[in-house]
């Protein structure tokens, strides 16, 4: 089966992570993130998470070089912060303190101008957290998540353009953790990643922050990207050219013109579109529906198969997937990638899965949950259900291209 993403040198399944850490350290083995017992209290727990913007910095760099628009770098701040915060909140933890790390090649990127834009992006992001009172809450008092600094490094010999990552700390009472204890009969509600929320100032393409190497390569023409040696990997391009008879950048259309099928965004803007802030959504879920929720799953690395990460011996069956945003159709057409791979490389229009207890949730409660999300300007729908599996977690998805099972069966 064709796997263009893998041929670009990217593993969307990240099987190597188990070599770096063990899930056994978590006091809630099925939770979305590793959670640890607090030393100061038997009833409290905490977690650290870390993540970055993937290859979005390279896409933003190309956009700036061709258009002169440096505001594109603001989105990197949101990407970095959201990728950390939604993971932490998905397990019911309260985010308290965030730090960032930025590496820059000053020969290619004007440092002061770049940092001004990233700082503006963080200001915008934390203002939304403040508006929705997201942070540490106890006895009706809320301390909004704080930006606590970080590190900026000049690394011209290690960084070709720029890179950005962050880390976040959060705490919670153990009784309030979303444990990921998914049960047969639970219902899966999908939350859309594209469109425009009440707290966004322009439409979001829905791309989020995964699959960007493939998305960027398939929409940026070689005639443009080849002008900038700093965004290319000679060995990767040679191997890709040998296998596919084309360069790793193989877009055909002008990536900088506004398109009606992308809500007025250009292809480049759609790829650089920042990861949606799902924090206000998750805040509502935790405040109003926590007792009904088995798990919250951000569909980041691993796309629509990310639910494999939670629960034990669960068969996730998705039969009513959210219609993918147009950007995903453009990428699929350009790459020829199979729908099987698209569903595990990208969120495909569904940014978060909310898994709710069928035993505790009546139809009216599900409608109330969807209505609460809808007030933020975000669509959601029931996409599937959970059944008992045959020994390990698996996902089955029904699409117009066929029915797919993950992980793939082996002979």
Protein backbone atom coordinates (compact mmCIF):
# COMPACT_ATOMS: atom_id res chain seq x y z
CA UNK A 1 0.00 0.00 0.00
CA UNK A 2 1.32 3.45 -0.94
CA UNK A 3 2.62 5.39 2.08
CA UNK A 4 3.97 8.71 0.85
CA UNK A 5 4.27 10.07 4.40
CA UNK A 6 6.60 7.24 5.45
CA UNK A 7 8.65 7.75 2.29
CA UNK A 8 9.23 11.34 3.42
CA UNK A 9 10.88 9.95 6.55
CA UNK A 10 8.01 10.37 9.04
CA UNK A 11 6.46 7.65 11.22
CA UNK A 12 2.93 8.73 12.20
CA UNK A 13 2.61 5.83 14.66
CA UNK A 14 5.74 6.73 16.67
CA UNK A 15 6.42 3.15 17.71
CA UNK A 16 9.85 4.19 19.00
CA UNK A 17 8.39 6.13 21.94
CA UNK A 18 8.24 3.00 24.10
CA UNK A 19 12.04 2.90 24.02
CA UNK A 20 12.17 6.23 25.88
CA UNK A 21 9.65 5.81 28.68
CA UNK A 22 7.26 3.35 30.29
CA UNK A 23 3.52 3.82 30.73
CA UNK A 24 3.80 1.67 33.88
CA UNK A 25 4.81 4.78 35.82
CA UNK A 26 1.30 6.23 35.52
CA UNK A 27 -1.08 5.71 38.42
CA UNK A 28 -3.91 5.66 35.86
CA UNK A 29 -2.63 3.25 33.17
CA UNK A 30 -5.43 4.03 30.67
CA UNK A 31 -5.34 7.82 31.00
CA UNK A 32 -4.42 9.90 27.95
CA UNK A 33 -1.21 11.19 29.60
CA UNK A 34 1.04 9.71 32.27
CA UNK A 35 -0.17 10.82 35.70
CA UNK A 36 1.89 10.62 38.89
CA UNK A 37 1.07 10.52 42.57
CA UNK A 38 1.62 13.83 44.34
CA UNK A 39 4.20 13.65 47.12
CA UNK A 40 2.43 16.34 49.15
CA UNK A 41 -1.00 14.67 49.31
CA UNK A 42 -2.44 11.19 48.76
CA UNK A 43 -5.53 12.70 47.17
CA UNK A 44 -3.73 14.78 44.51
CA UNK A 45 -1.77 13.91 41.37
CA UNK A 46 0.18 15.73 38.67
CA UNK A 47 1.51 15.42 35.13
CA UNK A 48 4.11 17.00 32.86
CA UNK A 49 3.69 17.05 29.09
CA UNK A 50 5.88 18.32 26.28
CA UNK A 51 5.25 18.87 22.58
CA UNK A 52 6.06 21.15 19.68
CA UNK A 53 4.74 22.46 16.39
CA UNK A 54 6.18 19.65 14.27
CA UNK A 55 7.21 20.85 10.80
CA UNK A 56 4.85 23.86 10.93
CA UNK A 57 7.87 26.21 11.45
CA UNK A 58 9.22 25.20 8.02
CA UNK A 59 5.83 25.84 6.37
CA UNK A 60 5.55 29.19 8.15
CA UNK A 61 9.08 30.09 7.06
CA UNK A 62 8.28 29.38 3.40
CA UNK A 63 5.06 31.38 3.67
CA UNK A 64 6.94 34.36 5.08
CA UNK A 65 9.74 34.20 2.50
CA UNK A 66 7.27 34.20 -0.39
CA UNK A 67 4.67 36.66 0.96
CA UNK A 68 6.59 38.82 3.43
CA UNK A 69 3.87 38.20 6.05
CA UNK A 70 5.52 37.55 9.42
CA UNK A 71 2.22 37.31 11.29
CA UNK A 72 2.14 33.66 10.16
CA UNK A 73 4.61 32.92 12.97
CA UNK A 74 1.99 33.85 15.58
CA UNK A 75 0.24 30.59 14.83
CA UNK A 76 3.29 28.61 15.96
CA UNK A 77 2.78 29.85 19.51
CA UNK A 78 -0.80 28.59 19.49
CA UNK A 79 0.24 25.26 17.92
CA UNK A 80 2.83 24.68 20.62
CA UNK A 81 0.63 25.67 23.52
CA UNK A 82 -2.49 23.83 22.34
CA UNK A 83 -0.63 20.59 21.61
CA UNK A 84 0.40 20.53 25.27
CA UNK A 85 -2.71 21.90 26.96
CA UNK A 86 -5.34 19.73 25.29
CA UNK A 87 -3.35 16.59 26.11
CA UNK A 88 -3.21 17.56 29.77
CA UNK A 89 -6.85 18.65 29.99
CA UNK A 90 -7.97 15.48 28.18
CA UNK A 91 -7.09 13.61 31.37
CA UNK A 92 -8.97 16.12 33.51
CA UNK A 93 -5.89 17.90 34.86
CA UNK A 94 -5.73 21.64 35.46
CA UNK A 95 -2.87 23.32 33.53
CA UNK A 96 -0.87 25.62 35.79
CA UNK A 97 2.44 26.66 34.21
CA UNK A 98 3.82 26.66 30.66
CA UNK A 99 7.34 27.19 29.34
CA UNK A 100 8.64 27.30 25.77
CA UNK A 101 11.86 26.58 23.89
CA UNK A 102 12.73 28.32 20.64
CA UNK A 103 15.80 27.65 18.51
CA UNK A 104 16.68 30.06 15.72
CA UNK A 105 19.10 30.30 12.84
CA UNK A 106 19.64 34.05 12.76
CA UNK A 107 21.28 33.89 9.34
CA UNK A 108 17.90 33.00 7.84
CA UNK A 109 15.36 34.42 10.29
CA UNK A 110 15.43 37.93 11.84
CA UNK A 111 15.42 36.99 15.51
CA UNK A 112 13.84 40.10 17.04
CA UNK A 113 11.04 40.26 14.48
CA UNK A 114 10.32 36.55 14.85
CA UNK A 115 10.18 36.67 18.65
CA UNK A 116 7.86 39.68 18.49
CA UNK A 117 5.40 37.66 16.41
CA UNK A 118 5.63 34.53 18.57
CA UNK A 119 5.18 36.64 21.69
CA UNK A 120 2.04 38.15 20.15
CA UNK A 121 0.78 34.64 19.44
CA UNK A 122 1.26 33.62 23.06
CA UNK A 123 -0.48 36.80 24.24
CA UNK A 124 -3.50 35.96 22.08
CA UNK A 125 -3.54 32.37 23.27
CA UNK A 126 -3.36 33.14 26.99
CA UNK A 127 -6.00 35.86 26.65
CA UNK A 128 -8.44 33.17 25.48
CA UNK A 129 -7.50 30.99 28.46
CA UNK A 130 -8.20 33.97 30.73
CA UNK A 131 -11.55 34.67 29.06
CA UNK A 132 -12.70 31.11 29.64
CA UNK A 133 -11.08 30.90 33.10
CA UNK A 134 -8.87 27.95 32.26
CA UNK A 135 -6.25 27.03 34.84
CA UNK A 136 -6.01 25.98 38.47
CA UNK A 137 -9.38 26.10 40.19
CA UNK A 138 -10.16 25.46 43.85
CA UNK A 139 -12.92 26.68 46.14
CA UNK A 140 -14.44 28.78 43.34
CA UNK A 141 -11.15 30.60 42.75
CA UNK A 142 -9.36 30.32 39.41
CA UNK A 143 -5.71 31.03 38.73
CA UNK A 144 -5.37 31.16 34.95
CA UNK A 145 -2.56 29.09 33.41
CA UNK A 146 0.65 31.11 33.49
CA UNK A 147 3.37 31.58 30.91
CA UNK A 148 6.50 31.14 33.00
CA UNK A 149 9.25 31.88 30.50
CA UNK A 150 11.53 29.47 28.69
CA UNK A 151 14.65 29.42 26.56
CA UNK A 152 15.65 31.02 23.27
CA UNK A 153 18.74 29.54 21.61
CA UNK A 154 20.83 30.74 18.67
CA UNK A 155 21.76 27.47 16.93
CA UNK A 156 22.82 28.20 13.34
CA UNK A 157 24.72 24.89 13.04
CA UNK A 158 21.86 22.76 14.36
CA UNK A 159 18.72 24.57 13.22
CA UNK A 160 18.22 25.37 9.55
CA UNK A 161 15.48 27.95 10.14
CA UNK A 162 13.61 27.80 13.46
CA UNK A 163 11.94 25.36 15.81
CA UNK A 164 9.61 25.73 18.77
CA UNK A 165 8.43 23.44 21.56
CA UNK A 166 6.89 23.76 24.99
CA UNK A 167 6.20 21.96 28.25
CA UNK A 168 3.27 22.18 30.63
CA UNK A 169 2.65 21.18 34.24
CA UNK A 170 -0.78 20.39 35.67
CA UNK A 171 -2.37 19.04 38.83
CA UNK A 172 -5.72 17.63 39.91
CA UNK A 173 -7.50 15.75 42.66
CA UNK A 174 -7.39 12.05 41.83
CA UNK A 175 -11.15 11.74 42.10
CA UNK A 176 -11.55 14.19 39.20
CA UNK A 177 -9.22 12.50 36.72
CA UNK A 178 -10.60 11.31 33.38
CA UNK A 179 -9.11 7.85 33.72
CA UNK A 180 -9.64 6.56 30.18
CA UNK A 181 -11.52 3.57 31.56
CA UNK A 182 -13.59 3.09 28.40
CA UNK A 183 -16.29 0.41 28.58
CA UNK A 184 -18.24 -1.59 25.97
CA UNK A 185 -21.39 0.34 25.11
CA UNK A 186 -19.76 3.77 25.44
CA UNK A 187 -20.60 6.34 22.74
CA UNK A 188 -18.02 8.27 20.67
CA UNK A 189 -18.77 11.93 19.92
CA UNK A 190 -16.54 13.68 17.39
CA UNK A 191 -15.74 17.41 17.59
CA UNK A 192 -14.94 19.23 14.35
CA UNK A 193 -11.48 20.70 13.80
CA UNK A 194 -12.34 23.13 10.97
CA UNK A 195 -14.60 26.13 10.45
CA UNK A 196 -14.63 29.16 12.75
CA UNK A 197 -15.40 29.29 16.46
CA UNK A 198 -16.74 32.27 18.40
CA UNK A 199 -13.23 32.89 19.76
CA UNK A 200 -11.33 32.64 16.45
CA UNK A 201 -10.87 35.70 14.24
CA UNK A 202 -10.74 33.76 10.97
CA UNK A 203 -11.64 30.30 9.62
CA UNK A 204 -9.51 27.32 10.55
CA UNK A 205 -8.64 24.78 7.86
CA UNK A 206 -8.84 21.93 10.39
CA UNK A 207 -5.30 20.69 9.65
CA UNK A 208 -4.09 20.98 13.27
CA UNK A 209 -0.41 20.00 13.72
CA UNK A 210 0.06 16.49 12.37
CA UNK A 211 0.78 15.25 8.88
CA UNK A 212 2.28 18.63 8.05
CA UNK A 213 5.36 17.23 6.28
CA UNK A 214 3.09 15.42 3.82
CA UNK A 215 0.59 18.27 3.61
CA UNK A 216 3.29 20.86 3.02
CA UNK A 217 5.20 18.80 0.48
CA UNK A 218 2.10 17.99 -1.56
CA UNK A 219 0.92 21.60 -1.80
CA UNK A 220 4.19 23.51 -2.30
CA UNK A 221 5.68 23.44 -5.83
CA UNK A 222 9.33 22.40 -6.18
CA UNK A 223 9.98 25.57 -8.21
CA UNK A 224 9.33 27.59 -5.05
CA UNK A 225 10.75 25.35 -2.33
CA UNK A 226 13.97 24.64 -4.23
CA UNK A 227 14.93 28.31 -3.93
CA UNK A 228 15.51 27.78 -0.20
CA UNK A 229 18.15 25.15 0.56
CA UNK A 230 17.46 25.61 4.26
CA UNK A 231 14.03 23.92 3.99
CA UNK A 232 15.31 20.88 2.13
CA UNK A 233 16.94 17.60 3.09
CA UNK A 234 19.12 16.46 0.19
CA UNK A 235 19.16 12.79 1.19
CA UNK A 236 15.41 12.61 1.80
CA UNK A 237 14.72 14.30 -1.54
CA UNK A 238 17.05 11.93 -3.41
CA UNK A 239 15.40 8.85 -1.92
CA UNK A 240 11.91 10.22 -2.59
CA UNK A 241 12.84 11.14 -6.17
CA UNK A 242 14.17 7.64 -6.78
CA UNK A 243 11.00 5.99 -5.48
CA UNK A 244 8.31 8.40 -6.73
CA UNK A 245 9.99 10.13 -9.68
CA UNK A 246 9.24 13.50 -8.10
CA UNK A 247 10.75 15.77 -5.46
CA UNK A 248 9.50 15.92 -1.86
CA UNK A 249 7.83 19.21 -2.77
CA UNK A 250 5.44 18.38 -5.60
CA UNK A 251 2.48 20.78 -5.40
CA UNK A 252 0.90 21.84 -8.70
CA UNK A 253 -1.27 24.83 -7.76
CA UNK A 254 -0.29 28.34 -6.72
CA UNK A 255 -0.13 28.02 -2.91
CA UNK A 256 -0.59 31.73 -2.22
CA UNK A 257 -3.91 32.60 -3.87
CA UNK A 258 -7.19 32.73 -1.96
CA UNK A 259 -9.47 29.75 -2.61
CA UNK A 260 -13.23 29.53 -2.21
CA UNK A 261 -13.00 25.83 -1.30
CA UNK A 262 -10.78 26.78 1.66
CA UNK A 263 -13.08 29.48 3.07
CA UNK A 264 -10.94 32.18 1.45
CA UNK A 265 -7.63 30.83 2.73
CA UNK A 266 -4.75 30.07 0.38
CA UNK A 267 -3.20 26.60 0.37
CA UNK A 268 -0.22 27.92 2.31
CA UNK A 269 -2.47 29.61 4.87
CA UNK A 270 -4.49 26.42 5.23
CA UNK A 271 -1.37 24.37 5.97
CA UNK A 272 -0.15 27.00 8.45
CA UNK A 273 -3.59 27.29 10.07
CA UNK A 274 -2.95 26.91 13.82
CA UNK A 275 -4.23 23.97 15.81
CA UNK A 276 -7.71 24.78 17.06
CA UNK A 277 -7.95 25.79 20.71
CA UNK A 278 -10.10 22.99 22.11
CA UNK A 279 -9.43 24.16 25.66
CA UNK A 280 -12.77 26.03 25.99
CA UNK A 281 -14.55 22.89 24.72
CA UNK A 282 -12.80 20.62 27.20
CA UNK A 283 -13.39 23.14 30.01
CA UNK A 284 -17.15 22.92 29.38
CA UNK A 285 -16.99 19.12 29.23
CA UNK A 286 -15.14 18.93 32.55
CA UNK A 287 -17.33 21.52 34.28
CA UNK A 288 -20.73 20.27 33.11
CA UNK A 289 -20.38 16.65 31.93
CA UNK A 290 -17.39 15.16 33.77
CA UNK A 291 -19.44 12.36 35.38
CA UNK A 292 -20.49 11.07 31.94
CA UNK A 293 -17.03 11.04 30.34
CA UNK A 294 -14.88 7.92 30.00
CA UNK A 295 -12.14 9.54 27.90
CA UNK A 296 -11.25 12.61 25.87
CA UNK A 297 -8.95 11.94 22.92
CA UNK A 298 -7.26 14.74 20.92
CA UNK A 299 -6.75 13.29 17.42
CA UNK A 300 -3.19 14.50 16.99
CA UNK A 301 -0.35 12.05 16.15
CA UNK A 302 -2.10 8.95 14.86
CA UNK A 303 -5.12 10.86 13.60
CA UNK A 304 -8.43 9.06 13.88
CA UNK A 305 -6.69 6.04 15.45
CA UNK A 306 -5.52 7.99 18.50
CA UNK A 307 -8.24 6.35 20.62
CA UNK A 308 -6.11 3.21 20.61
CA UNK A 309 -4.17 4.98 23.35
CA UNK A 310 -6.98 4.76 25.94
CA UNK A 311 -9.03 1.94 27.39
CA UNK A 312 -8.24 -1.78 27.64
CA UNK A 313 -9.50 -4.44 25.24
CA UNK A 314 -11.84 -1.98 23.50
CA UNK A 315 -13.03 -2.13 19.89
CA UNK A 316 -13.73 1.43 18.71
CA UNK A 317 -16.23 1.32 15.86
CA UNK A 318 -16.63 4.55 13.88
CA UNK A 319 -19.46 4.38 11.34
CA UNK A 320 -20.52 8.03 11.05
CA UNK A 321 -17.30 10.00 10.59
CA UNK A 322 -17.38 13.79 10.37
CA UNK A 323 -17.04 14.93 6.75
CA UNK A 324 -13.36 15.83 6.19
CA UNK A 325 -12.54 19.49 5.63
CA UNK A 326 -11.58 20.36 2.02
CA UNK A 327 -7.84 20.58 2.78
CA UNK A 328 -7.73 16.82 3.36
CA UNK A 329 -9.30 16.08 -0.01
CA UNK A 330 -6.73 18.34 -1.67
CA UNK A 331 -3.89 16.51 0.07
CA UNK A 332 -5.28 13.08 -0.81
CA UNK A 333 -5.70 14.00 -4.47
CA UNK A 334 -2.22 15.47 -4.70
CA UNK A 335 -0.45 12.59 -2.95
CA UNK A 336 -2.50 9.61 -4.07
CA UNK A 337 -2.34 8.48 -0.44
CA UNK A 338 -4.78 5.75 0.54
CA UNK A 339 -7.71 6.60 2.78
CA UNK A 340 -6.37 3.97 5.19
CA UNK A 341 -3.22 6.06 5.66
CA UNK A 342 -5.00 9.40 5.57
CA UNK A 343 -7.10 8.38 8.57
CA UNK A 344 -4.02 7.63 10.66
CA UNK A 345 -1.91 10.54 9.39
CA UNK A 346 -4.51 13.31 9.83
CA UNK A 347 -7.46 14.14 12.07
CA UNK A 348 -9.59 14.24 8.87
CA UNK A 349 -11.95 16.90 10.23
CA UNK A 350 -12.41 15.50 13.74
CA UNK A 351 -10.09 17.18 16.22
CA UNK A 352 -11.28 15.48 19.41
CA UNK A 353 -13.16 12.31 20.29
CA UNK A 354 -15.28 12.50 23.46
CA UNK A 355 -16.18 9.04 24.76
CA UNK A 356 -19.19 9.06 27.07
CA UNK A 357 -20.70 6.39 29.29
CA UNK A 358 -23.79 4.88 27.71
CA UNK A 359 -24.82 3.56 31.13
CA UNK A 360 -24.96 7.11 32.51
CA UNK A 361 -25.91 9.06 29.41
CA UNK A 362 -29.42 9.35 28.03
CA UNK A 363 -30.09 10.68 24.54
CA UNK A 364 -31.04 14.07 26.02
CA UNK A 365 -27.69 14.27 27.82
CA UNK A 366 -25.80 13.66 24.57
CA UNK A 367 -27.82 16.40 22.88
CA UNK A 368 -27.09 18.74 25.81
CA UNK A 369 -23.37 18.02 25.44
CA UNK A 370 -23.46 18.71 21.70
CA UNK A 371 -25.47 21.90 22.27
CA UNK A 372 -22.91 23.13 24.82
CA UNK A 373 -20.12 22.61 22.28
CA UNK A 374 -22.26 24.22 19.58
CA UNK A 375 -22.50 27.45 21.57
CA UNK A 376 -18.79 27.89 20.89
CA UNK A 377 -19.46 27.68 17.15
CA UNK A 378 -18.18 24.11 16.80
CA UNK A 379 -20.08 21.22 15.26
CA UNK A 380 -20.08 17.77 16.86
CA UNK A 381 -21.86 14.49 16.23
CA UNK A 382 -22.05 10.90 17.36
CA UNK A 383 -19.46 9.09 15.23
CA UNK A 384 -19.50 5.61 16.72
CA UNK A 385 -19.56 3.27 19.67
CA UNK A 386 -17.34 1.00 21.75
CA UNK A 387 -17.52 -2.77 22.01
CA UNK A 388 -15.41 -5.39 23.74
CA UNK A 389 -12.40 -6.40 21.67
CA UNK A 390 -10.64 -9.75 21.32
CA UNK A 391 -7.67 -9.09 23.58
CA UNK A 392 -6.29 -5.70 22.54
CA UNK A 393 -7.56 -2.29 21.47
CA UNK A 394 -8.53 -1.87 17.84
CA UNK A 395 -10.39 0.62 15.64
CA UNK A 396 -12.74 -0.06 12.74
CA UNK A 397 -13.81 2.82 10.48
CA UNK A 398 -16.47 2.70 7.79
CA UNK A 399 -15.94 5.18 4.94
CA UNK A 400 -17.05 5.66 1.35
CA UNK A 401 -13.66 4.15 0.38
CA UNK A 402 -14.27 0.96 2.35
CA UNK A 403 -14.01 -0.36 5.90
CA UNK A 404 -10.60 -0.15 7.58
CA UNK A 405 -9.25 -1.82 10.70
CA UNK A 406 -6.35 -0.64 12.86
CA UNK A 407 -3.87 -1.91 13.69
CA UNK A 408 -3.68 -3.77 10.42
CA UNK A 409 -4.14 -7.51 10.69
CA UNK A 410 -1.04 -9.56 10.05
CA UNK A 411 -0.98 -12.97 8.43
